[in-house]
Amino acid sequence: MVILDTNIFIYIANSMLPTDIVAKTDIGHASVTKIEALGFSTIPANELLILTSLFEESYNLPLTDTIVNRAVQLRQAKRMSLGDAIIAATALEHDLELWTVNKEDFKHIEGLNVTSPL
């Protein structure tokens, strides 16, 4: 299984990445990813349908105390967004490869396996 950064969900929904990129892969998401991707009032209906389907088909990796503590440590070590810290901490906690378009945002995190599908 791999964990997808929010931007991968969005790129698939708006056709910047093909949907078949995740067709043969078990995918998971951090709880915050769903909030980030769906938390806008102006999502086009077709993109909302794709996002909803992707989230239904992927594994939700819930926020736990261990992930929270790890995210705190990541943010104390280097300035980063709350969402990125939670996503990275979730990937680390579950020992999953993180797929993202923004590899630079995560390059400083030791032990995190980051891949860009682009």
C-alpha atoms as a PDB file:
ATOM      1  CA  MET A   1       0.000   0.000   0.000  1.00  0.00           C
ATOM      2  CA  VAL A   2       1.012   3.606  -0.611  1.00  0.00           C
ATOM      3  CA  ILE A   3      -0.307   6.771   0.993  1.00  0.00           C
ATOM      4  CA  LEU A   4      -1.334   9.614  -1.290  1.00  0.00           C
ATOM      5  CA  ASP A   5      -0.683  13.263  -0.588  1.00  0.00           C
ATOM      6  CA  THR A   6      -3.648  15.570  -1.098  1.00  0.00           C
ATOM      7  CA  ASN A   7      -2.238  16.874  -4.375  1.00  0.00           C
ATOM      8  CA  ILE A   8      -2.363  13.404  -5.933  1.00  0.00           C
ATOM      9  CA  PHE A   9      -6.095  13.120  -5.192  1.00  0.00           C
ATOM     10  CA  ILE A  10      -6.647  16.582  -6.668  1.00  0.00           C
ATOM     11  CA  TYR A  11      -4.494  15.910  -9.758  1.00  0.00           C
ATOM     12  CA  ILE A  12      -6.434  12.714 -10.463  1.00  0.00           C
ATOM     13  CA  ALA A  13      -9.765  14.490  -9.964  1.00  0.00           C
ATOM     14  CA  ASN A  14      -8.892  17.322 -12.361  1.00  0.00           C
ATOM     15  CA  SER A  15      -7.316  14.963 -14.934  1.00  0.00           C
ATOM     16  CA  MET A  16      -3.738  16.185 -14.470  1.00  0.00           C
ATOM     17  CA  LEU A  17      -2.936  12.552 -13.612  1.00  0.00           C
ATOM     18  CA  PRO A  18      -4.732   9.570 -15.143  1.00  0.00           C
ATOM     19  CA  THR A  19      -7.017   7.572 -12.854  1.00  0.00           C
ATOM     20  CA  ASP A  20      -5.260   4.364 -13.834  1.00  0.00           C
ATOM     21  CA  ILE A  21      -2.140   5.540 -11.999  1.00  0.00           C
ATOM     22  CA  VAL A  22      -3.636   4.008  -8.837  1.00  0.00           C
ATOM     23  CA  ALA A  23      -5.669   1.252 -10.494  1.00  0.00           C
ATOM     24  CA  LYS A  24      -3.437  -1.649  -9.435  1.00  0.00           C
ATOM     25  CA  THR A  25      -2.212  -0.182  -6.157  1.00  0.00           C
ATOM     26  CA  ASP A  26      -3.728  -0.283  -2.700  1.00  0.00           C
ATOM     27  CA  ILE A  27      -3.970   3.341  -1.635  1.00  0.00           C
ATOM     28  CA  GLY A  28      -4.439   4.953   1.731  1.00  0.00           C
ATOM     29  CA  HIS A  29      -4.927   8.473   2.974  1.00  0.00           C
ATOM     30  CA  ALA A  30      -4.418  10.386   6.184  1.00  0.00           C
ATOM     31  CA  SER A  31      -7.602  11.794   7.689  1.00  0.00           C
ATOM     32  CA  VAL A  32      -6.414  15.335   7.005  1.00  0.00           C
ATOM     33  CA  THR A  33      -6.098  14.554   3.294  1.00  0.00           C
ATOM     34  CA  LYS A  34      -9.842  14.106   2.966  1.00  0.00           C
ATOM     35  CA  ILE A  35     -10.410  17.418   4.765  1.00  0.00           C
ATOM     36  CA  GLU A  36      -7.893  19.215   2.538  1.00  0.00           C
ATOM     37  CA  ALA A  37      -9.227  17.763  -0.717  1.00  0.00           C
ATOM     38  CA  LEU A  38     -12.944  18.074  -0.033  1.00  0.00           C
ATOM     39  CA  GLY A  39     -12.907  21.191   2.129  1.00  0.00           C
ATOM     40  CA  PHE A  40     -13.799  23.685  -0.582  1.00  0.00           C
ATOM     41  CA  SER A  41     -17.225  24.956  -1.586  1.00  0.00           C
ATOM     42  CA  THR A  42     -16.245  25.472  -5.223  1.00  0.00           C
ATOM     43  CA  ILE A  43     -15.201  21.939  -6.250  1.00  0.00           C
ATOM     44  CA  PRO A  44     -16.676  21.200  -9.688  1.00  0.00           C
ATOM     45  CA  ALA A  45     -19.291  18.428  -9.533  1.00  0.00           C
ATOM     46  CA  ASN A  46     -17.338  16.066 -11.778  1.00  0.00           C
ATOM     47  CA  GLU A  47     -14.193  16.441  -9.633  1.00  0.00           C
ATOM     48  CA  LEU A  48     -16.225  15.960  -6.450  1.00  0.00           C
ATOM     49  CA  LEU A  49     -17.547  12.664  -7.815  1.00  0.00           C
ATOM     50  CA  ILE A  50     -14.041  11.442  -8.601  1.00  0.00           C
ATOM     51  CA  LEU A  51     -12.674  12.554  -5.227  1.00  0.00           C
ATOM     52  CA  THR A  52     -15.547  10.923  -3.359  1.00  0.00           C
ATOM     53  CA  SER A  53     -14.998   7.691  -5.256  1.00  0.00           C
ATOM     54  CA  LEU A  54     -11.248   7.741  -4.605  1.00  0.00           C
ATOM     55  CA  PHE A  55     -11.760   8.264  -0.882  1.00  0.00           C
ATOM     56  CA  GLU A  56     -14.323   5.467  -0.741  1.00  0.00           C
ATOM     57  CA  GLU A  57     -11.872   3.109  -2.446  1.00  0.00           C
ATOM     58  CA  SER A  58      -8.829   4.063  -0.365  1.00  0.00           C
ATOM     59  CA  TYR A  59      -7.990   3.114   3.181  1.00  0.00           C
ATOM     60  CA  ASN A  60      -8.527   5.805   5.805  1.00  0.00           C
ATOM     61  CA  LEU A  61      -5.543   5.856   8.145  1.00  0.00           C
ATOM     62  CA  PRO A  62      -6.997   7.605  11.186  1.00  0.00           C
ATOM     63  CA  LEU A  63      -5.224  10.151  13.312  1.00  0.00           C
ATOM     64  CA  THR A  64      -3.844   8.519  16.447  1.00  0.00           C
ATOM     65  CA  ASP A  65      -1.941   9.895  19.434  1.00  0.00           C
ATOM     66  CA  THR A  66       1.248   8.353  18.042  1.00  0.00           C
ATOM     67  CA  ILE A  67       0.760  10.107  14.694  1.00  0.00           C
ATOM     68  CA  VAL A  68      -0.023  13.387  16.467  1.00  0.00           C
ATOM     69  CA  ASN A  69       3.181  13.133  18.513  1.00  0.00           C
ATOM     70  CA  ARG A  70       5.219  12.317  15.427  1.00  0.00           C
ATOM     71  CA  ALA A  71       3.680  15.247  13.533  1.00  0.00           C
ATOM     72  CA  VAL A  72       4.584  17.557  16.428  1.00  0.00           C
ATOM     73  CA  GLN A  73       8.190  16.340  16.274  1.00  0.00           C
ATOM     74  CA  LEU A  74       8.321  16.902  12.521  1.00  0.00           C
ATOM     75  CA  ARG A  75       7.028  20.467  12.890  1.00  0.00           C
ATOM     76  CA  GLN A  76       9.468  21.175  15.717  1.00  0.00           C
ATOM     77  CA  ALA A  77      12.367  19.956  13.570  1.00  0.00           C
ATOM     78  CA  LYS A  78      11.495  22.067  10.516  1.00  0.00           C
ATOM     79  CA  ARG A  79       8.760  24.479   9.588  1.00  0.00           C
ATOM     80  CA  MET A  80       6.077  22.688   7.587  1.00  0.00           C
ATOM     81  CA  SER A  81       2.332  22.824   7.172  1.00  0.00           C
ATOM     82  CA  LEU A  82       0.106  20.975   9.597  1.00  0.00           C
ATOM     83  CA  GLY A  83      -1.346  18.877   6.769  1.00  0.00           C
ATOM     84  CA  ASP A  84       2.075  17.842   5.471  1.00  0.00           C
ATOM     85  CA  ALA A  85       3.232  16.971   8.984  1.00  0.00           C
ATOM     86  CA  ILE A  86       0.194  14.751   9.596  1.00  0.00           C
ATOM     87  CA  ILE A  87       0.503  13.076   6.190  1.00  0.00           C
ATOM     88  CA  ALA A  88       4.231  12.429   6.665  1.00  0.00           C
ATOM     89  CA  ALA A  89       3.728  11.176  10.225  1.00  0.00           C
ATOM     90  CA  THR A  90       0.981   8.845   9.026  1.00  0.00           C
ATOM     91  CA  ALA A  91       3.228   7.467   6.277  1.00  0.00           C
ATOM     92  CA  LEU A  92       6.067   6.948   8.741  1.00  0.00           C
ATOM     93  CA  GLU A  93       3.835   5.331  11.358  1.00  0.00           C
ATOM     94  CA  HIS A  94       2.444   2.824   8.859  1.00  0.00           C
ATOM     95  CA  ASP A  95       5.770   2.418   7.023  1.00  0.00           C
ATOM     96  CA  LEU A  96       4.226   3.436   3.697  1.00  0.00           C
ATOM     97  CA  GLU A  97       5.640   5.067   0.610  1.00  0.00           C
ATOM     98  CA  LEU A  98       4.256   8.576   0.133  1.00  0.00           C
ATOM     99  CA  TRP A  99       3.199   9.637  -3.352  1.00  0.00           C
ATOM    100  CA  THR A 100       3.264  13.392  -3.844  1.00  0.00           C
ATOM    101  CA  VAL A 101       3.840  15.950  -6.546  1.00  0.00           C
ATOM    102  CA  ASN A 102       5.774  18.090  -4.049  1.00  0.00           C
ATOM    103  CA  LYS A 103       8.756  15.910  -3.105  1.00  0.00           C
ATOM    104  CA  GLU A 104      10.616  19.024  -1.931  1.00  0.00           C
ATOM    105  CA  ASP A 105       8.121  19.485   0.916  1.00  0.00           C
ATOM    106  CA  PHE A 106       9.159  16.149   2.415  1.00  0.00           C
ATOM    107  CA  LYS A 107      12.827  15.711   1.422  1.00  0.00           C
ATOM    108  CA  HIS A 108      14.111  16.678   4.870  1.00  0.00           C
ATOM    109  CA  ILE A 109      12.253  13.872   6.666  1.00  0.00           C
ATOM    110  CA  GLU A 110      14.584  11.025   7.484  1.00  0.00           C
ATOM    111  CA  GLY A 111      13.196   7.569   6.810  1.00  0.00           C
ATOM    112  CA  LEU A 112      10.299   8.768   4.655  1.00  0.00           C
ATOM    113  CA  ASN A 113      10.104   7.101   1.236  1.00  0.00           C
ATOM    114  CA  VAL A 114       8.722   9.728  -1.170  1.00  0.00           C
ATOM    115  CA  THR A 115       7.830   9.201  -4.836  1.00  0.00           C
ATOM    116  CA  SER A 116       6.365  11.485  -7.467  1.00  0.00           C
ATOM    117  CA  PRO A 117       4.181   9.732 -10.037  1.00  0.00           C
ATOM    118  CA  LEU A 118       4.839  12.529 -12.550  1.00  0.00           C
END
